[in-house]
Amino acid sequence: MNPDSRSIIIVKSIVEVAYNTQNAVDDKHNLIVHTQATNTNDGKALYKAPTQAKQNLKLKKEDSLMVLADKGYHTGAELKQCQQDNMITHVAYKEQPAVKHIANEFLAESFNYDKLTDTYTCPTGAVLTSLGTWHNKKGDTGETSFRFKTYRTHACKTCPLKNQCTKLPKRIIQRSEYQDALDINDNNIKQNPQYYKRRQAICEHPFGSIKRHWSYTHTLLKGLQKVNGEMNLIMFCYNFMRTKNILGFEKMLQTIKNWQPDYTKVVCPFKKVIIKTIYSQNEASFFWRNYSLLFLKAA
């Protein structure tokens, strides 16, 4: 039994008890710049992955970064955070489904929003207003997913096209607190569809190689921390092989020989942990006898 694993949505209504690996991949060489094993679904993962990727690439917060992701990451709160940190989001959105009793001309997307007056205008020209009250949208577990306002108009009572628009006394439009971020992202997709089409060739490339070419489909360890370490190791192996294919073996080998890492960043924190642990147990003499080599200065 794996106590840290959770129910993860695989495709639509297909759910498996598993872990979920989040990857950020660069579009030039298909190298992994961030990876993390999680036990949550994609809905709350969009912001963290590119943020960590920017740090790994030593980019500043104000540096621009284009983010491509599939429909599972289309969450208003995550999109807003990304856009606030100068990330250009191209996250696939779900098409508004047809409603049996509503004509396509009267779907919510056909209502025009005016930000200055905070009103909607319906296809027939009637203006829908809001009382300004925020309502809470609850998630599956009862937590508040986001807030929204409702808009309506008295013109529905005398509208000759009301039967094509709603069966209620008035047509009601809901607007999420993150609607601006959603609109920005959706417009990015519509204006530049060629960008999103590249997503599969970029971020699915590592998974395809690892799962199909290497036959790595299951983790060997249990527990989130151990699985995360295992996934980071396998992604490192992928980057190693990918780099060899890009540079060639001889050039990569020469690059490794010329590499001069700062060992103090690795050794010193480890040394401090050992010191703190041993001394906390009042075993100083045992420490000096068994771990004296850790005090040697890293070359």
C-alpha atoms as a PDB file:
ATOM      1  CA  MET A   1       0.000   0.000   0.000  1.00  0.00           C
ATOM      2  CA  ASN A   2       1.238   3.493  -0.865  1.00  0.00           C
ATOM      3  CA  PRO A   3      -0.100   5.928   1.755  1.00  0.00           C
ATOM      4  CA  ASP A   4       0.794   9.133  -0.115  1.00  0.00           C
ATOM      5  CA  SER A   5      -0.822   8.214  -3.436  1.00  0.00           C
ATOM      6  CA  ARG A   6      -4.195   9.771  -4.279  1.00  0.00           C
ATOM      7  CA  SER A   7      -7.034   9.505  -6.788  1.00  0.00           C
ATOM      8  CA  ILE A   8      -5.746  11.184  -9.938  1.00  0.00           C
ATOM      9  CA  ILE A   9      -7.883  11.988 -12.977  1.00  0.00           C
ATOM     10  CA  ILE A  10      -6.267  10.289 -15.977  1.00  0.00           C
ATOM     11  CA  VAL A  11      -8.710  11.051 -18.804  1.00  0.00           C
ATOM     12  CA  LYS A  12     -12.177  12.550 -18.309  1.00  0.00           C
ATOM     13  CA  SER A  13     -13.904  10.191 -15.838  1.00  0.00           C
ATOM     14  CA  ILE A  14     -11.038   7.677 -15.617  1.00  0.00           C
ATOM     15  CA  VAL A  15      -9.444   7.846 -12.162  1.00  0.00           C
ATOM     16  CA  GLU A  16      -6.473   5.905 -10.811  1.00  0.00           C
ATOM     17  CA  VAL A  17      -4.747   5.885  -7.427  1.00  0.00           C
ATOM     18  CA  ALA A  18      -1.303   7.157  -8.387  1.00  0.00           C
ATOM     19  CA  TYR A  19       1.166  10.025  -8.400  1.00  0.00           C
ATOM     20  CA  ASN A  20       1.200  12.869 -10.895  1.00  0.00           C
ATOM     21  CA  THR A  21       4.502  14.130 -12.321  1.00  0.00           C
ATOM     22  CA  GLN A  22       4.693  17.766 -13.405  1.00  0.00           C
ATOM     23  CA  ASN A  23       7.348  18.624 -16.006  1.00  0.00           C
ATOM     24  CA  ALA A  24       8.481  21.891 -17.561  1.00  0.00           C
ATOM     25  CA  VAL A  25      10.290  21.358 -20.880  1.00  0.00           C
ATOM     26  CA  ASP A  26      12.108  23.908 -23.034  1.00  0.00           C
ATOM     27  CA  ASP A  27      11.012  24.219 -26.642  1.00  0.00           C
ATOM     28  CA  LYS A  28      14.486  24.407 -28.197  1.00  0.00           C
ATOM     29  CA  HIS A  29      16.096  21.146 -27.095  1.00  0.00           C
ATOM     30  CA  ASN A  30      13.228  19.348 -25.311  1.00  0.00           C
ATOM     31  CA  LEU A  31      15.257  19.319 -22.100  1.00  0.00           C
ATOM     32  CA  ILE A  32      13.470  19.098 -18.756  1.00  0.00           C
ATOM     33  CA  VAL A  33      14.029  22.282 -16.720  1.00  0.00           C
ATOM     34  CA  HIS A  34      11.773  21.325 -13.809  1.00  0.00           C
ATOM     35  CA  THR A  35      10.154  18.140 -12.562  1.00  0.00           C
ATOM     36  CA  GLN A  36       8.202  17.245  -9.446  1.00  0.00           C
ATOM     37  CA  ALA A  37       6.115  14.262  -8.404  1.00  0.00           C
ATOM     38  CA  THR A  38       2.848  15.285  -6.738  1.00  0.00           C
ATOM     39  CA  ASN A  39      -0.327  13.614  -5.489  1.00  0.00           C
ATOM     40  CA  THR A  40      -2.709  16.292  -6.786  1.00  0.00           C
ATOM     41  CA  ASN A  41      -4.474  16.837 -10.102  1.00  0.00           C
ATOM     42  CA  ASP A  42      -3.309  19.313 -12.745  1.00  0.00           C
ATOM     43  CA  GLY A  43      -5.871  21.994 -11.832  1.00  0.00           C
ATOM     44  CA  LYS A  44      -3.636  23.597  -9.183  1.00  0.00           C
ATOM     45  CA  ALA A  45      -0.246  22.904 -10.765  1.00  0.00           C
ATOM     46  CA  LEU A  46       0.057  25.476 -13.561  1.00  0.00           C
ATOM     47  CA  TYR A  47       1.738  28.305 -11.631  1.00  0.00           C
ATOM     48  CA  LYS A  48       4.296  26.336  -9.622  1.00  0.00           C
ATOM     49  CA  ALA A  49       5.966  24.510 -12.531  1.00  0.00           C
ATOM     50  CA  PRO A  50       6.877  27.534 -14.722  1.00  0.00           C
ATOM     51  CA  THR A  51       7.808  29.558 -11.631  1.00  0.00           C
ATOM     52  CA  GLN A  52      10.325  26.906 -10.594  1.00  0.00           C
ATOM     53  CA  ALA A  53      11.472  26.621 -14.204  1.00  0.00           C
ATOM     54  CA  LYS A  54      12.235  30.361 -14.286  1.00  0.00           C
ATOM     55  CA  GLN A  55      14.311  30.000 -11.120  1.00  0.00           C
ATOM     56  CA  ASN A  56      16.202  27.016 -12.539  1.00  0.00           C
ATOM     57  CA  LEU A  57      16.911  28.981 -15.728  1.00  0.00           C
ATOM     58  CA  LYS A  58      18.030  31.944 -13.588  1.00  0.00           C
ATOM     59  CA  LEU A  59      15.396  34.202 -15.114  1.00  0.00           C
ATOM     60  CA  LYS A  60      14.126  37.210 -13.214  1.00  0.00           C
ATOM     61  CA  LYS A  61      10.512  37.576 -12.179  1.00  0.00           C
ATOM     62  CA  GLU A  62       9.994  40.316 -14.773  1.00  0.00           C
ATOM     63  CA  ASP A  63      11.408  38.178 -17.597  1.00  0.00           C
ATOM     64  CA  SER A  64       8.760  36.955 -20.020  1.00  0.00           C
ATOM     65  CA  LEU A  65       8.016  33.251 -20.415  1.00  0.00           C
ATOM     66  CA  MET A  66       5.507  31.544 -22.695  1.00  0.00           C
ATOM     67  CA  VAL A  67       3.614  28.695 -21.029  1.00  0.00           C
ATOM     68  CA  LEU A  68       1.856  25.963 -23.050  1.00  0.00           C
ATOM     69  CA  ALA A  69      -0.426  23.493 -21.246  1.00  0.00           C
ATOM     70  CA  ASP A  70      -3.458  21.297 -21.901  1.00  0.00           C
ATOM     71  CA  LYS A  71      -7.056  21.682 -20.706  1.00  0.00           C
ATOM     72  CA  GLY A  72      -6.414  20.132 -17.316  1.00  0.00           C
ATOM     73  CA  TYR A  73      -4.458  23.241 -16.280  1.00  0.00           C
ATOM     74  CA  HIS A  74      -7.176  25.725 -17.302  1.00  0.00           C
ATOM     75  CA  THR A  75      -7.897  27.222 -13.856  1.00  0.00           C
ATOM     76  CA  GLY A  76      -8.621  30.924 -13.357  1.00  0.00           C
ATOM     77  CA  ALA A  77      -6.599  31.418 -10.178  1.00  0.00           C
ATOM     78  CA  GLU A  78      -3.527  29.702 -11.667  1.00  0.00           C
ATOM     79  CA  LEU A  79      -3.768  31.655 -14.926  1.00  0.00           C
ATOM     80  CA  LYS A  80      -3.983  34.954 -13.049  1.00  0.00           C
ATOM     81  CA  GLN A  81      -0.877  34.172 -10.984  1.00  0.00           C
ATOM     82  CA  CYS A  82       1.072  33.269 -14.113  1.00  0.00           C
ATOM     83  CA  GLN A  83       0.043  36.439 -15.942  1.00  0.00           C
ATOM     84  CA  GLN A  84       0.929  38.601 -12.927  1.00  0.00           C
ATOM     85  CA  ASP A  85       4.470  37.164 -13.096  1.00  0.00           C
ATOM     86  CA  ASN A  86       4.813  38.084 -16.779  1.00  0.00           C
ATOM     87  CA  MET A  87       4.037  34.646 -18.161  1.00  0.00           C
ATOM     88  CA  ILE A  88       2.169  34.473 -21.462  1.00  0.00           C
ATOM     89  CA  THR A  89      -0.279  31.620 -21.038  1.00  0.00           C
ATOM     90  CA  HIS A  90      -1.505  29.401 -23.870  1.00  0.00           C
ATOM     91  CA  VAL A  91      -3.611  26.891 -21.946  1.00  0.00           C
ATOM     92  CA  ALA A  92      -6.259  25.016 -23.925  1.00  0.00           C
ATOM     93  CA  TYR A  93      -9.807  25.904 -22.930  1.00  0.00           C
ATOM     94  CA  LYS A  94     -12.960  23.859 -23.056  1.00  0.00           C
ATOM     95  CA  GLU A  95     -15.423  24.853 -25.729  1.00  0.00           C
ATOM     96  CA  GLN A  96     -18.755  25.972 -24.302  1.00  0.00           C
ATOM     97  CA  PRO A  97     -21.083  22.987 -24.683  1.00  0.00           C
ATOM     98  CA  ALA A  98     -24.418  23.364 -26.432  1.00  0.00           C
ATOM     99  CA  VAL A  99     -27.467  23.759 -24.195  1.00  0.00           C
ATOM    100  CA  LYS A 100     -30.629  22.019 -25.301  1.00  0.00           C
ATOM    101  CA  HIS A 101     -33.047  24.891 -24.661  1.00  0.00           C
ATOM    102  CA  ILE A 102     -30.662  27.738 -25.641  1.00  0.00           C
ATOM    103  CA  ALA A 103     -29.946  28.763 -29.223  1.00  0.00           C
ATOM    104  CA  ASN A 104     -26.252  29.076 -30.084  1.00  0.00           C
ATOM    105  CA  GLU A 105     -26.737  32.807 -30.627  1.00  0.00           C
ATOM    106  CA  PHE A 106     -27.663  33.198 -26.947  1.00  0.00           C
ATOM    107  CA  LEU A 107     -24.883  31.211 -25.298  1.00  0.00           C
ATOM    108  CA  ALA A 108     -23.004  33.097 -22.571  1.00  0.00           C
ATOM    109  CA  GLU A 109     -20.040  33.822 -24.852  1.00  0.00           C
ATOM    110  CA  SER A 110     -22.369  35.820 -27.126  1.00  0.00           C
ATOM    111  CA  PHE A 111     -23.000  38.358 -24.345  1.00  0.00           C
ATOM    112  CA  ASN A 112     -20.565  41.311 -24.487  1.00  0.00           C
ATOM    113  CA  TYR A 113     -19.018  42.527 -21.225  1.00  0.00           C
ATOM    114  CA  ASP A 114     -18.257  46.213 -20.574  1.00  0.00           C
ATOM    115  CA  LYS A 115     -15.577  46.578 -17.920  1.00  0.00           C
ATOM    116  CA  LEU A 116     -16.169  50.310 -17.375  1.00  0.00           C
ATOM    117  CA  THR A 117     -19.827  49.907 -16.471  1.00  0.00           C
ATOM    118  CA  ASP A 118     -19.555  46.328 -15.189  1.00  0.00           C
ATOM    119  CA  THR A 119     -22.489  45.240 -17.358  1.00  0.00           C
ATOM    120  CA  TYR A 120     -23.294  42.673 -20.040  1.00  0.00           C
ATOM    121  CA  THR A 121     -25.164  43.369 -23.256  1.00  0.00           C
ATOM    122  CA  CYS A 122     -27.209  40.533 -24.737  1.00  0.00           C
ATOM    123  CA  PRO A 123     -27.474  39.853 -28.509  1.00  0.00           C
ATOM    124  CA  THR A 124     -30.772  41.810 -28.659  1.00  0.00           C
ATOM    125  CA  GLY A 125     -29.211  44.907 -27.031  1.00  0.00           C
ATOM    126  CA  ALA A 126     -30.612  44.574 -23.494  1.00  0.00           C
ATOM    127  CA  VAL A 127     -28.215  45.475 -20.667  1.00  0.00           C
ATOM    128  CA  LEU A 128     -27.675  43.047 -17.784  1.00  0.00           C
ATOM    129  CA  THR A 129     -26.552  44.549 -14.470  1.00  0.00           C
ATOM    130  CA  SER A 130     -25.268  43.148 -11.193  1.00  0.00           C
ATOM    131  CA  LEU A 131     -26.029  44.010  -7.567  1.00  0.00           C
ATOM    132  CA  GLY A 132     -22.308  43.670  -6.900  1.00  0.00           C
ATOM    133  CA  THR A 133     -22.728  40.736  -4.524  1.00  0.00           C
ATOM    134  CA  TRP A 134     -20.021  38.072  -4.634  1.00  0.00           C
ATOM    135  CA  HIS A 135     -21.135  34.446  -4.420  1.00  0.00           C
ATOM    136  CA  ASN A 136     -18.928  31.451  -3.608  1.00  0.00           C
ATOM    137  CA  LYS A 137     -18.510  28.591  -6.046  1.00  0.00           C
ATOM    138  CA  LYS A 138     -17.978  25.413  -4.052  1.00  0.00           C
ATOM    139  CA  GLY A 139     -15.700  22.573  -5.120  1.00  0.00           C
ATOM    140  CA  ASP A 140     -16.291  18.842  -4.789  1.00  0.00           C
ATOM    141  CA  THR A 141     -14.953  18.806  -1.230  1.00  0.00           C
ATOM    142  CA  GLY A 142     -16.935  21.862  -0.141  1.00  0.00           C
ATOM    143  CA  GLU A 143     -14.105  24.417  -0.306  1.00  0.00           C
ATOM    144  CA  THR A 144     -14.550  27.721  -2.150  1.00  0.00           C
ATOM    145  CA  SER A 145     -13.106  27.349  -5.654  1.00  0.00           C
ATOM    146  CA  PHE A 146     -13.717  30.944  -6.740  1.00  0.00           C
ATOM    147  CA  ARG A 147     -16.154  33.842  -6.361  1.00  0.00           C
ATOM    148  CA  PHE A 148     -18.581  35.089  -8.983  1.00  0.00           C
ATOM    149  CA  LYS A 149     -21.191  37.793  -9.581  1.00  0.00           C
ATOM    150  CA  THR A 150     -24.545  37.397 -11.322  1.00  0.00           C
ATOM    151  CA  TYR A 151     -26.011  39.688 -14.006  1.00  0.00           C
ATOM    152  CA  ARG A 152     -29.654  39.940 -15.118  1.00  0.00           C
ATOM    153  CA  THR A 153     -32.183  42.292 -16.742  1.00  0.00           C
ATOM    154  CA  HIS A 154     -35.928  43.026 -16.550  1.00  0.00           C
ATOM    155  CA  ALA A 155     -36.060  43.208 -20.369  1.00  0.00           C
ATOM    156  CA  CYS A 156     -36.477  39.422 -20.522  1.00  0.00           C
ATOM    157  CA  LYS A 157     -40.167  39.769 -19.560  1.00  0.00           C
ATOM    158  CA  THR A 158     -41.061  41.434 -22.868  1.00  0.00           C
ATOM    159  CA  CYS A 159     -38.381  39.928 -25.113  1.00  0.00           C
ATOM    160  CA  PRO A 160     -39.910  38.032 -28.103  1.00  0.00           C
ATOM    161  CA  LEU A 161     -36.822  35.764 -28.236  1.00  0.00           C
ATOM    162  CA  LYS A 162     -36.920  34.748 -24.570  1.00  0.00           C
ATOM    163  CA  ASN A 163     -37.771  31.110 -25.377  1.00  0.00           C
ATOM    164  CA  GLN A 164     -34.511  30.819 -27.327  1.00  0.00           C
ATOM    165  CA  CYS A 165     -32.508  32.273 -24.445  1.00  0.00           C
ATOM    166  CA  THR A 166     -33.809  30.888 -21.155  1.00  0.00           C
ATOM    167  CA  LYS A 167     -36.640  29.012 -19.464  1.00  0.00           C
ATOM    168  CA  LEU A 168     -36.235  31.048 -16.276  1.00  0.00           C
ATOM    169  CA  PRO A 169     -38.093  34.314 -15.648  1.00  0.00           C
ATOM    170  CA  LYS A 170     -34.804  36.137 -16.361  1.00  0.00           C
ATOM    171  CA  ARG A 171     -31.568  35.176 -18.099  1.00  0.00           C
ATOM    172  CA  ILE A 172     -28.695  35.025 -15.591  1.00  0.00           C
ATOM    173  CA  ILE A 173     -25.031  35.398 -16.534  1.00  0.00           C
ATOM    174  CA  GLN A 174     -22.288  34.504 -14.037  1.00  0.00           C
ATOM    175  CA  ARG A 175     -18.866  36.159 -14.115  1.00  0.00           C
ATOM    176  CA  SER A 176     -15.888  34.665 -12.260  1.00  0.00           C
ATOM    177  CA  GLU A 177     -13.464  36.858 -10.338  1.00  0.00           C
ATOM    178  CA  TYR A 178     -10.792  35.406 -12.651  1.00  0.00           C
ATOM    179  CA  GLN A 179     -12.678  36.025 -15.892  1.00  0.00           C
ATOM    180  CA  ASP A 180     -10.200  38.661 -17.117  1.00  0.00           C
ATOM    181  CA  ALA A 181      -7.329  36.175 -16.820  1.00  0.00           C
ATOM    182  CA  LEU A 182      -9.408  33.495 -18.544  1.00  0.00           C
ATOM    183  CA  ASP A 183     -10.243  35.877 -21.409  1.00  0.00           C
ATOM    184  CA  ILE A 184      -6.597  36.885 -21.871  1.00  0.00           C
ATOM    185  CA  ASN A 185      -5.518  33.245 -22.064  1.00  0.00           C
ATOM    186  CA  ASP A 186      -8.351  32.202 -24.378  1.00  0.00           C
ATOM    187  CA  ASN A 187      -7.618  35.113 -26.726  1.00  0.00           C
ATOM    188  CA  ASN A 188      -3.950  34.061 -26.819  1.00  0.00           C
ATOM    189  CA  ILE A 189      -5.046  30.621 -28.004  1.00  0.00           C
ATOM    190  CA  LYS A 190      -7.426  32.008 -30.622  1.00  0.00           C
ATOM    191  CA  GLN A 191      -4.943  34.528 -32.014  1.00  0.00           C
ATOM    192  CA  ASN A 192      -1.964  32.147 -32.080  1.00  0.00           C
ATOM    193  CA  PRO A 193      -3.269  28.582 -32.527  1.00  0.00           C
ATOM    194  CA  GLN A 194       0.090  27.489 -33.964  1.00  0.00           C
ATOM    195  CA  TYR A 195       1.759  27.893 -30.562  1.00  0.00           C
ATOM    196  CA  TYR A 196      -0.486  25.467 -28.746  1.00  0.00           C
ATOM    197  CA  LYS A 197      -0.121  22.877 -31.517  1.00  0.00           C
ATOM    198  CA  ARG A 198       3.565  22.616 -30.569  1.00  0.00           C
ATOM    199  CA  ARG A 199       2.728  21.553 -26.998  1.00  0.00           C
ATOM    200  CA  GLN A 200       2.607  17.813 -27.628  1.00  0.00           C
ATOM    201  CA  ALA A 201       5.901  17.831 -29.512  1.00  0.00           C
ATOM    202  CA  ILE A 202       7.554  19.639 -26.590  1.00  0.00           C
ATOM    203  CA  CYS A 203       6.245  18.406 -23.243  1.00  0.00           C
ATOM    204  CA  GLU A 204       5.088  14.945 -24.318  1.00  0.00           C
ATOM    205  CA  HIS A 205       8.464  14.102 -25.871  1.00  0.00           C
ATOM    206  CA  PRO A 206      10.145  13.121 -22.550  1.00  0.00           C
ATOM    207  CA  PHE A 207       7.170  11.059 -21.388  1.00  0.00           C
ATOM    208  CA  GLY A 208       7.011   9.265 -24.715  1.00  0.00           C
ATOM    209  CA  SER A 209      10.706   8.391 -24.556  1.00  0.00           C
ATOM    210  CA  ILE A 210      10.595   7.309 -20.907  1.00  0.00           C
ATOM    211  CA  LYS A 211       7.392   5.271 -21.077  1.00  0.00           C
ATOM    212  CA  ARG A 212       7.597   3.762 -24.544  1.00  0.00           C
ATOM    213  CA  HIS A 213      11.303   3.613 -25.365  1.00  0.00           C
ATOM    214  CA  TRP A 214      12.563   2.828 -21.849  1.00  0.00           C
ATOM    215  CA  SER A 215       9.413   0.980 -20.670  1.00  0.00           C
ATOM    216  CA  TYR A 216       9.403   2.952 -17.402  1.00  0.00           C
ATOM    217  CA  THR A 217       5.713   3.016 -16.423  1.00  0.00           C
ATOM    218  CA  HIS A 218       5.764   2.339 -12.661  1.00  0.00           C
ATOM    219  CA  THR A 219       7.766   3.708  -9.760  1.00  0.00           C
ATOM    220  CA  LEU A 220       9.819   1.325  -7.629  1.00  0.00           C
ATOM    221  CA  LEU A 221       9.613   3.290  -4.382  1.00  0.00           C
ATOM    222  CA  LYS A 222       6.729   4.298  -2.113  1.00  0.00           C
ATOM    223  CA  GLY A 223       5.992   7.583  -0.391  1.00  0.00           C
ATOM    224  CA  LEU A 224       5.810  11.012  -2.054  1.00  0.00           C
ATOM    225  CA  GLN A 225       9.309  12.122  -1.090  1.00  0.00           C
ATOM    226  CA  LYS A 226      10.940   8.916  -2.344  1.00  0.00           C
ATOM    227  CA  VAL A 227       8.869   8.868  -5.539  1.00  0.00           C
ATOM    228  CA  ASN A 228       9.821  12.496  -6.166  1.00  0.00           C
ATOM    229  CA  GLY A 229      13.485  11.542  -5.840  1.00  0.00           C
ATOM    230  CA  GLU A 230      12.996   8.602  -8.178  1.00  0.00           C
ATOM    231  CA  MET A 231      11.281  10.762 -10.789  1.00  0.00           C
ATOM    232  CA  ASN A 232      14.024  13.400 -10.576  1.00  0.00           C
ATOM    233  CA  LEU A 233      16.594  10.658 -11.150  1.00  0.00           C
ATOM    234  CA  ILE A 234      14.808   9.283 -14.214  1.00  0.00           C
ATOM    235  CA  MET A 235      14.376  12.802 -15.623  1.00  0.00           C
ATOM    236  CA  PHE A 236      18.092  13.422 -15.057  1.00  0.00           C
ATOM    237  CA  CYS A 237      18.822  10.266 -17.070  1.00  0.00           C
ATOM    238  CA  TYR A 238      16.571  11.553 -19.836  1.00  0.00           C
ATOM    239  CA  ASN A 239      18.379  14.915 -19.881  1.00  0.00           C
ATOM    240  CA  PHE A 240      21.730  13.100 -19.906  1.00  0.00           C
ATOM    241  CA  MET A 241      20.771  11.008 -22.946  1.00  0.00           C
ATOM    242  CA  ARG A 242      19.147  13.967 -24.641  1.00  0.00           C
ATOM    243  CA  THR A 243      22.256  16.117 -24.143  1.00  0.00           C
ATOM    244  CA  LYS A 244      24.420  13.334 -25.580  1.00  0.00           C
ATOM    245  CA  ASN A 245      22.230  13.279 -28.691  1.00  0.00           C
ATOM    246  CA  ILE A 246      22.398  17.063 -29.034  1.00  0.00           C
ATOM    247  CA  LEU A 247      26.139  17.593 -28.416  1.00  0.00           C
ATOM    248  CA  GLY A 248      27.507  14.215 -29.374  1.00  0.00           C
ATOM    249  CA  PHE A 249      29.325  11.934 -26.941  1.00  0.00           C
ATOM    250  CA  GLU A 250      32.829  13.423 -27.309  1.00  0.00           C
ATOM    251  CA  LYS A 251      31.693  17.027 -26.898  1.00  0.00           C
ATOM    252  CA  MET A 252      29.504  16.180 -23.932  1.00  0.00           C
ATOM    253  CA  LEU A 253      32.356  14.262 -22.289  1.00  0.00           C
ATOM    254  CA  GLN A 254      34.686  17.223 -22.771  1.00  0.00           C
ATOM    255  CA  THR A 255      32.068  19.577 -21.306  1.00  0.00           C
ATOM    256  CA  ILE A 256      31.767  17.370 -18.226  1.00  0.00           C
ATOM    257  CA  LYS A 257      35.568  17.305 -17.832  1.00  0.00           C
ATOM    258  CA  ASN A 258      35.690  21.117 -18.002  1.00  0.00           C
ATOM    259  CA  TRP A 259      32.806  21.543 -15.549  1.00  0.00           C
ATOM    260  CA  GLN A 260      33.859  22.971 -12.194  1.00  0.00           C
ATOM    261  CA  PRO A 261      30.935  22.611  -9.749  1.00  0.00           C
ATOM    262  CA  ASP A 262      30.846  24.411  -6.398  1.00  0.00           C
ATOM    263  CA  TYR A 263      31.060  21.438  -4.045  1.00  0.00           C
ATOM    264  CA  THR A 264      30.674  23.657  -0.973  1.00  0.00           C
ATOM    265  CA  LYS A 265      27.013  24.102  -1.849  1.00  0.00           C
ATOM    266  CA  VAL A 266      26.557  20.338  -1.610  1.00  0.00           C
ATOM    267  CA  VAL A 267      28.964  19.341   1.159  1.00  0.00           C
ATOM    268  CA  CYS A 268      28.452  22.186   3.629  1.00  0.00           C
ATOM    269  CA  PRO A 269      24.686  21.839   4.146  1.00  0.00           C
ATOM    270  CA  PHE A 270      25.132  18.089   4.533  1.00  0.00           C
ATOM    271  CA  LYS A 271      27.970  18.670   7.004  1.00  0.00           C
ATOM    272  CA  LYS A 272      25.820  21.071   9.034  1.00  0.00           C
ATOM    273  CA  VAL A 273      22.999  18.534   9.249  1.00  0.00           C
ATOM    274  CA  ILE A 274      25.385  15.864  10.511  1.00  0.00           C
ATOM    275  CA  ILE A 275      26.902  18.233  13.078  1.00  0.00           C
ATOM    276  CA  LYS A 276      23.498  19.335  14.348  1.00  0.00           C
ATOM    277  CA  THR A 277      22.218  15.774  14.613  1.00  0.00           C
ATOM    278  CA  ILE A 278      25.237  14.348  16.428  1.00  0.00           C
ATOM    279  CA  TYR A 279      25.704  17.250  18.821  1.00  0.00           C
ATOM    280  CA  SER A 280      22.020  17.265  19.695  1.00  0.00           C
ATOM    281  CA  GLN A 281      22.607  13.769  21.068  1.00  0.00           C
ATOM    282  CA  ASN A 282      25.615  14.965  23.146  1.00  0.00           C
ATOM    283  CA  GLU A 283      27.962  12.604  21.366  1.00  0.00           C
ATOM    284  CA  ALA A 284      30.713  14.999  20.364  1.00  0.00           C
ATOM    285  CA  SER A 285      33.535  12.495  20.869  1.00  0.00           C
ATOM    286  CA  PHE A 286      31.716   9.925  18.703  1.00  0.00           C
ATOM    287  CA  PHE A 287      31.319  12.563  15.986  1.00  0.00           C
ATOM    288  CA  TRP A 288      35.008  13.482  15.901  1.00  0.00           C
ATOM    289  CA  ARG A 289      36.040   9.829  15.797  1.00  0.00           C
ATOM    290  CA  ASN A 290      33.691   8.798  12.965  1.00  0.00           C
ATOM    291  CA  TYR A 291      33.002  11.918  10.880  1.00  0.00           C
ATOM    292  CA  SER A 292      36.214  13.945  11.001  1.00  0.00           C
ATOM    293  CA  LEU A 293      36.651  13.693   7.226  1.00  0.00           C
ATOM    294  CA  LEU A 294      33.611  15.891   6.735  1.00  0.00           C
ATOM    295  CA  PHE A 295      35.610  18.803   8.097  1.00  0.00           C
ATOM    296  CA  LEU A 296      38.144  18.551   5.298  1.00  0.00           C
ATOM    297  CA  LYS A 297      37.799  21.492   2.999  1.00  0.00           C
ATOM    298  CA  ALA A 298      36.194  20.528  -0.317  1.00  0.00           C
ATOM    299  CA  ALA A 299      38.652  20.702  -3.164  1.00  0.00           C
END
